[in-house]
Amino acid sequence: MKQFTKSIIFIFDLLIMVVSCNNSATKTQTDTASFLEIPGTPQWDEVVEKSKQATIEARKLLQTIEDSDFLQTTEPMSEKLLEMDHPAIMLKEKRAYNGVIYYKALERVRKHSYVKDNQIYTTLKFGAEVNMSEDLFDFITNFLYGKWNEMVKKEDLFEFIYDEQGLITLRAKERGTTKSTK
């Protein structure tokens, strides 16, 4: 379970890293200060408390999703849906919920994925094959897998490995080693 949790955290961290790399707008401390000064905006403590509650609910949801459940995010899947730069917006757009749905969808697609010539592919053609919305499926297979393949190809810092569940994942290479996949 500990390794499974580490895998979830790594995938979310990796996704946030990919989204951050593509996010051309840089955030400053004044953004946070101006957020707190906007009339009608919840106070920071309230936002933090709601964030904690959303995380608790997302963890509960993660444990209840079965393979037969249809996966769909609250809005069409996009990078914006998973950005976590601004806690109030994160709550407003149900990012904790969407993150869980995204993770479970990614796990389903990874079960049908393989590495060839150091690039990741899937045998799936449609999201319906693994009971998920097409926009979510396309985001994973086209956007995320495309980014992963680009990172492995352009930079010698990442590699595909098989995790403890036997699923392909991307990880940073250990310095001074050249590990390969199964």
C-alpha atoms as a PDB file:
ATOM      1  CA  MET A   1       0.000   0.000   0.000  1.00  0.00           C
ATOM      2  CA  LYS A   2       2.903   2.332   0.794  1.00  0.00           C
ATOM      3  CA  GLN A   3       4.370   1.827  -2.698  1.00  0.00           C
ATOM      4  CA  PHE A   4       0.905   2.320  -4.230  1.00  0.00           C
ATOM      5  CA  THR A   5       0.555   5.637  -2.393  1.00  0.00           C
ATOM      6  CA  LYS A   6       4.027   6.699  -3.543  1.00  0.00           C
ATOM      7  CA  SER A   7       3.019   5.871  -7.132  1.00  0.00           C
ATOM      8  CA  ILE A   8      -0.121   8.006  -6.837  1.00  0.00           C
ATOM      9  CA  ILE A   9       1.888  10.902  -5.441  1.00  0.00           C
ATOM     10  CA  PHE A  10       4.522  10.534  -8.164  1.00  0.00           C
ATOM     11  CA  ILE A  11       1.909  10.544 -10.931  1.00  0.00           C
ATOM     12  CA  PHE A  12       0.210  13.641  -9.515  1.00  0.00           C
ATOM     13  CA  ASP A  13       3.599  15.352  -9.081  1.00  0.00           C
ATOM     14  CA  LEU A  14       4.575  14.441 -12.628  1.00  0.00           C
ATOM     15  CA  LEU A  15       1.298  15.712 -13.990  1.00  0.00           C
ATOM     16  CA  ILE A  16       1.657  18.965 -12.084  1.00  0.00           C
ATOM     17  CA  MET A  17       5.209  19.285 -13.441  1.00  0.00           C
ATOM     18  CA  VAL A  18       3.984  18.779 -17.027  1.00  0.00           C
ATOM     19  CA  VAL A  19       1.148  21.259 -16.553  1.00  0.00           C
ATOM     20  CA  SER A  20       3.474  23.791 -14.914  1.00  0.00           C
ATOM     21  CA  CYS A  21       5.939  23.538 -17.795  1.00  0.00           C
ATOM     22  CA  ASN A  22       3.146  24.408 -20.214  1.00  0.00           C
ATOM     23  CA  ASN A  23       1.650  27.159 -18.087  1.00  0.00           C
ATOM     24  CA  SER A  24       3.024  30.365 -19.587  1.00  0.00           C
ATOM     25  CA  ALA A  25       1.493  32.629 -16.943  1.00  0.00           C
ATOM     26  CA  THR A  26       3.776  32.899 -13.942  1.00  0.00           C
ATOM     27  CA  LYS A  27       2.296  33.375 -10.501  1.00  0.00           C
ATOM     28  CA  THR A  28       3.689  35.881  -8.027  1.00  0.00           C
ATOM     29  CA  GLN A  29       3.167  36.567  -4.358  1.00  0.00           C
ATOM     30  CA  THR A  30       1.046  39.563  -5.290  1.00  0.00           C
ATOM     31  CA  ASP A  31      -1.435  37.152  -6.935  1.00  0.00           C
ATOM     32  CA  THR A  32      -2.021  35.544  -3.552  1.00  0.00           C
ATOM     33  CA  ALA A  33      -2.244  38.903  -1.800  1.00  0.00           C
ATOM     34  CA  SER A  34      -4.732  40.261  -4.342  1.00  0.00           C
ATOM     35  CA  PHE A  35      -6.772  37.043  -4.043  1.00  0.00           C
ATOM     36  CA  LEU A  36      -7.239  37.685  -0.325  1.00  0.00           C
ATOM     37  CA  GLU A  37      -8.309  41.283  -0.967  1.00  0.00           C
ATOM     38  CA  ILE A  38     -11.037  40.526  -3.524  1.00  0.00           C
ATOM     39  CA  PRO A  39     -14.454  41.245  -1.977  1.00  0.00           C
ATOM     40  CA  GLY A  40     -16.566  38.124  -1.559  1.00  0.00           C
ATOM     41  CA  THR A  41     -13.597  35.761  -1.739  1.00  0.00           C
ATOM     42  CA  PRO A  42     -13.460  33.218   1.095  1.00  0.00           C
ATOM     43  CA  GLN A  43     -10.847  33.847   3.752  1.00  0.00           C
ATOM     44  CA  TRP A  44      -7.654  31.832   3.498  1.00  0.00           C
ATOM     45  CA  ASP A  45      -8.416  29.631   6.554  1.00  0.00           C
ATOM     46  CA  GLU A  46     -11.781  28.716   5.067  1.00  0.00           C
ATOM     47  CA  VAL A  47     -10.121  27.839   1.752  1.00  0.00           C
ATOM     48  CA  VAL A  48      -7.553  25.666   3.522  1.00  0.00           C
ATOM     49  CA  GLU A  49     -10.286  23.868   5.489  1.00  0.00           C
ATOM     50  CA  LYS A  50     -12.355  23.261   2.346  1.00  0.00           C
ATOM     51  CA  SER A  51      -9.227  21.984   0.582  1.00  0.00           C
ATOM     52  CA  LYS A  52      -8.622  19.494   3.391  1.00  0.00           C
ATOM     53  CA  GLN A  53     -12.234  18.315   3.205  1.00  0.00           C
ATOM     54  CA  ALA A  54     -12.063  17.961  -0.588  1.00  0.00           C
ATOM     55  CA  THR A  55      -8.889  15.862  -0.199  1.00  0.00           C
ATOM     56  CA  ILE A  56     -10.556  13.595   2.378  1.00  0.00           C
ATOM     57  CA  GLU A  57     -13.574  13.112   0.111  1.00  0.00           C
ATOM     58  CA  ALA A  58     -11.305  12.423  -2.879  1.00  0.00           C
ATOM     59  CA  ARG A  59      -9.413   9.735  -0.927  1.00  0.00           C
ATOM     60  CA  LYS A  60     -12.716   8.069  -0.004  1.00  0.00           C
ATOM     61  CA  LEU A  61     -13.825   8.216  -3.631  1.00  0.00           C
ATOM     62  CA  LEU A  62     -10.553   6.664  -4.790  1.00  0.00           C
ATOM     63  CA  GLN A  63     -11.229   3.587  -2.679  1.00  0.00           C
ATOM     64  CA  THR A  64     -14.796   3.130  -3.935  1.00  0.00           C
ATOM     65  CA  ILE A  65     -14.240   3.308  -7.709  1.00  0.00           C
ATOM     66  CA  GLU A  66     -14.563  -0.063  -9.422  1.00  0.00           C
ATOM     67  CA  ASP A  67     -13.559  -1.059 -12.964  1.00  0.00           C
ATOM     68  CA  SER A  68     -17.235  -1.155 -13.923  1.00  0.00           C
ATOM     69  CA  ASP A  69     -17.742   2.512 -12.942  1.00  0.00           C
ATOM     70  CA  PHE A  70     -17.869   4.969 -15.834  1.00  0.00           C
ATOM     71  CA  LEU A  71     -15.188   7.637 -15.371  1.00  0.00           C
ATOM     72  CA  GLN A  72     -15.907  11.215 -16.351  1.00  0.00           C
ATOM     73  CA  THR A  73     -14.587  14.497 -14.981  1.00  0.00           C
ATOM     74  CA  THR A  74     -16.844  17.415 -14.014  1.00  0.00           C
ATOM     75  CA  GLU A  75     -15.824  19.255 -17.207  1.00  0.00           C
ATOM     76  CA  PRO A  76     -14.085  18.098 -20.408  1.00  0.00           C
ATOM     77  CA  MET A  77     -10.589  16.926 -19.489  1.00  0.00           C
ATOM     78  CA  SER A  78      -7.810  19.478 -19.952  1.00  0.00           C
ATOM     79  CA  GLU A  79      -4.607  20.715 -18.348  1.00  0.00           C
ATOM     80  CA  LYS A  80      -6.593  23.509 -16.685  1.00  0.00           C
ATOM     81  CA  LEU A  81      -8.797  20.993 -14.906  1.00  0.00           C
ATOM     82  CA  LEU A  82      -5.788  19.608 -13.022  1.00  0.00           C
ATOM     83  CA  GLU A  83      -3.846  22.805 -12.300  1.00  0.00           C
ATOM     84  CA  MET A  84      -3.524  23.412  -8.594  1.00  0.00           C
ATOM     85  CA  ASP A  85      -1.979  26.869  -8.428  1.00  0.00           C
ATOM     86  CA  HIS A  86      -4.880  28.585  -6.721  1.00  0.00           C
ATOM     87  CA  PRO A  87      -6.704  26.834  -3.836  1.00  0.00           C
ATOM     88  CA  ALA A  88      -9.995  28.709  -4.213  1.00  0.00           C
ATOM     89  CA  ILE A  89     -10.175  27.894  -7.916  1.00  0.00           C
ATOM     90  CA  MET A  90      -9.099  24.344  -7.124  1.00  0.00           C
ATOM     91  CA  LEU A  91     -12.162  23.928  -4.937  1.00  0.00           C
ATOM     92  CA  LYS A  92     -14.499  25.782  -7.243  1.00  0.00           C
ATOM     93  CA  GLU A  93     -13.716  23.448 -10.110  1.00  0.00           C
ATOM     94  CA  LYS A  94     -13.630  20.269  -7.978  1.00  0.00           C
ATOM     95  CA  ARG A  95      -9.982  19.564  -8.735  1.00  0.00           C
ATOM     96  CA  ALA A  96      -9.615  16.933  -5.994  1.00  0.00           C
ATOM     97  CA  TYR A  97     -12.492  14.935  -7.487  1.00  0.00           C
ATOM     98  CA  ASN A  98     -11.179  15.348 -11.019  1.00  0.00           C
ATOM     99  CA  GLY A  99      -7.695  14.318  -9.918  1.00  0.00           C
ATOM    100  CA  VAL A 100      -9.036  11.023  -8.539  1.00  0.00           C
ATOM    101  CA  ILE A 101     -11.063  10.335 -11.684  1.00  0.00           C
ATOM    102  CA  TYR A 102      -8.031  11.162 -13.807  1.00  0.00           C
ATOM    103  CA  TYR A 103      -5.778   8.875 -11.753  1.00  0.00           C
ATOM    104  CA  LYS A 104      -8.192   5.929 -12.014  1.00  0.00           C
ATOM    105  CA  ALA A 105      -8.557   6.506 -15.760  1.00  0.00           C
ATOM    106  CA  LEU A 106      -4.784   6.626 -16.181  1.00  0.00           C
ATOM    107  CA  GLU A 107      -4.471   3.386 -14.242  1.00  0.00           C
ATOM    108  CA  ARG A 108      -6.993   1.714 -16.590  1.00  0.00           C
ATOM    109  CA  VAL A 109      -5.158   2.885 -19.705  1.00  0.00           C
ATOM    110  CA  ARG A 110      -1.772   1.866 -18.284  1.00  0.00           C
ATOM    111  CA  LYS A 111      -3.094  -1.697 -17.908  1.00  0.00           C
ATOM    112  CA  HIS A 112      -3.341  -1.789 -21.710  1.00  0.00           C
ATOM    113  CA  SER A 113      -0.090   0.008 -22.486  1.00  0.00           C
ATOM    114  CA  TYR A 114       3.347  -1.119 -23.606  1.00  0.00           C
ATOM    115  CA  VAL A 115       6.760   0.327 -24.354  1.00  0.00           C
ATOM    116  CA  LYS A 116       8.299  -0.023 -27.792  1.00  0.00           C
ATOM    117  CA  ASP A 117      11.513   1.717 -28.848  1.00  0.00           C
ATOM    118  CA  ASN A 118      11.493   3.569 -25.509  1.00  0.00           C
ATOM    119  CA  GLN A 119       8.075   5.122 -26.208  1.00  0.00           C
ATOM    120  CA  ILE A 120       4.735   4.336 -24.533  1.00  0.00           C
ATOM    121  CA  TYR A 121       1.677   3.232 -26.497  1.00  0.00           C
ATOM    122  CA  THR A 122      -1.693   1.702 -25.723  1.00  0.00           C
ATOM    123  CA  THR A 123      -3.597  -1.091 -27.431  1.00  0.00           C
ATOM    124  CA  LEU A 124      -6.870   0.736 -26.767  1.00  0.00           C
ATOM    125  CA  LYS A 125      -8.652   2.723 -29.463  1.00  0.00           C
ATOM    126  CA  PHE A 126     -11.534   4.240 -27.486  1.00  0.00           C
ATOM    127  CA  GLY A 127     -12.303   5.226 -23.916  1.00  0.00           C
ATOM    128  CA  ALA A 128     -15.448   3.084 -23.978  1.00  0.00           C
ATOM    129  CA  GLU A 129     -13.211  -0.003 -24.043  1.00  0.00           C
ATOM    130  CA  VAL A 130     -12.221   0.760 -20.437  1.00  0.00           C
ATOM    131  CA  ASN A 131     -15.429   2.539 -19.403  1.00  0.00           C
ATOM    132  CA  MET A 132     -14.364   6.194 -19.486  1.00  0.00           C
ATOM    133  CA  SER A 133     -15.281   9.346 -21.377  1.00  0.00           C
ATOM    134  CA  GLU A 134     -13.572   9.931 -24.708  1.00  0.00           C
ATOM    135  CA  ASP A 135     -12.193  13.337 -23.680  1.00  0.00           C
ATOM    136  CA  LEU A 136     -10.496  11.749 -20.659  1.00  0.00           C
ATOM    137  CA  PHE A 137      -9.138   8.893 -22.784  1.00  0.00           C
ATOM    138  CA  ASP A 138      -7.844  11.309 -25.451  1.00  0.00           C
ATOM    139  CA  PHE A 139      -6.162  13.473 -22.816  1.00  0.00           C
ATOM    140  CA  ILE A 140      -4.257  10.472 -21.458  1.00  0.00           C
ATOM    141  CA  THR A 141      -3.333   8.821 -24.749  1.00  0.00           C
ATOM    142  CA  ASN A 142      -2.626  11.919 -26.795  1.00  0.00           C
ATOM    143  CA  PHE A 143      -1.562  14.653 -24.375  1.00  0.00           C
ATOM    144  CA  LEU A 144      -0.018  12.817 -21.413  1.00  0.00           C
ATOM    145  CA  TYR A 145       1.554   9.917 -23.313  1.00  0.00           C
ATOM    146  CA  GLY A 146       2.771  12.435 -25.887  1.00  0.00           C
ATOM    147  CA  LYS A 147       4.438  14.509 -23.159  1.00  0.00           C
ATOM    148  CA  TRP A 148       5.959  11.413 -21.557  1.00  0.00           C
ATOM    149  CA  ASN A 149       7.333  10.228 -24.899  1.00  0.00           C
ATOM    150  CA  GLU A 150       8.731  13.680 -25.605  1.00  0.00           C
ATOM    151  CA  MET A 151      10.414  13.813 -22.172  1.00  0.00           C
ATOM    152  CA  VAL A 152      12.044  10.405 -22.643  1.00  0.00           C
ATOM    153  CA  LYS A 153      13.134  11.196 -26.194  1.00  0.00           C
ATOM    154  CA  LYS A 154      14.497  14.723 -25.661  1.00  0.00           C
ATOM    155  CA  GLU A 155      15.960  14.390 -22.204  1.00  0.00           C
ATOM    156  CA  ASP A 156      18.061  11.601 -20.816  1.00  0.00           C
ATOM    157  CA  LEU A 157      16.584  12.267 -17.379  1.00  0.00           C
ATOM    158  CA  PHE A 158      13.489  10.030 -17.542  1.00  0.00           C
ATOM    159  CA  GLU A 159      12.762   6.396 -18.270  1.00  0.00           C
ATOM    160  CA  PHE A 160       9.803   4.055 -18.455  1.00  0.00           C
ATOM    161  CA  ILE A 161       9.676   1.380 -15.777  1.00  0.00           C
ATOM    162  CA  TYR A 162       7.202  -1.198 -14.557  1.00  0.00           C
ATOM    163  CA  ASP A 163       5.916  -0.373 -11.073  1.00  0.00           C
ATOM    164  CA  GLU A 164       5.025  -2.840  -8.316  1.00  0.00           C
ATOM    165  CA  GLN A 165       1.603  -3.378  -9.936  1.00  0.00           C
ATOM    166  CA  GLY A 166       3.236  -4.264 -13.262  1.00  0.00           C
ATOM    167  CA  LEU A 167       2.068  -1.013 -14.869  1.00  0.00           C
ATOM    168  CA  ILE A 168       4.293   1.204 -16.961  1.00  0.00           C
ATOM    169  CA  THR A 169       5.164   4.518 -15.384  1.00  0.00           C
ATOM    170  CA  LEU A 170       7.598   7.336 -16.036  1.00  0.00           C
ATOM    171  CA  ARG A 171      10.247   8.129 -13.481  1.00  0.00           C
ATOM    172  CA  ALA A 172      13.364  10.204 -13.192  1.00  0.00           C
ATOM    173  CA  LYS A 173      16.485   8.182 -13.913  1.00  0.00           C
ATOM    174  CA  GLU A 174      18.817   7.484 -11.077  1.00  0.00           C
ATOM    175  CA  ARG A 175      22.029   9.383 -11.602  1.00  0.00           C
ATOM    176  CA  GLY A 176      24.876   7.345 -13.001  1.00  0.00           C
ATOM    177  CA  THR A 177      22.668   4.447 -14.130  1.00  0.00           C
ATOM    178  CA  THR A 178      21.056   3.411 -17.365  1.00  0.00           C
ATOM    179  CA  LYS A 179      18.194   1.179 -16.251  1.00  0.00           C
ATOM    180  CA  SER A 180      15.907  -0.328 -18.842  1.00  0.00           C
ATOM    181  CA  THR A 181      12.302  -1.530 -18.778  1.00  0.00           C
ATOM    182  CA  LYS A 182      11.236  -5.169 -18.476  1.00  0.00           C
END
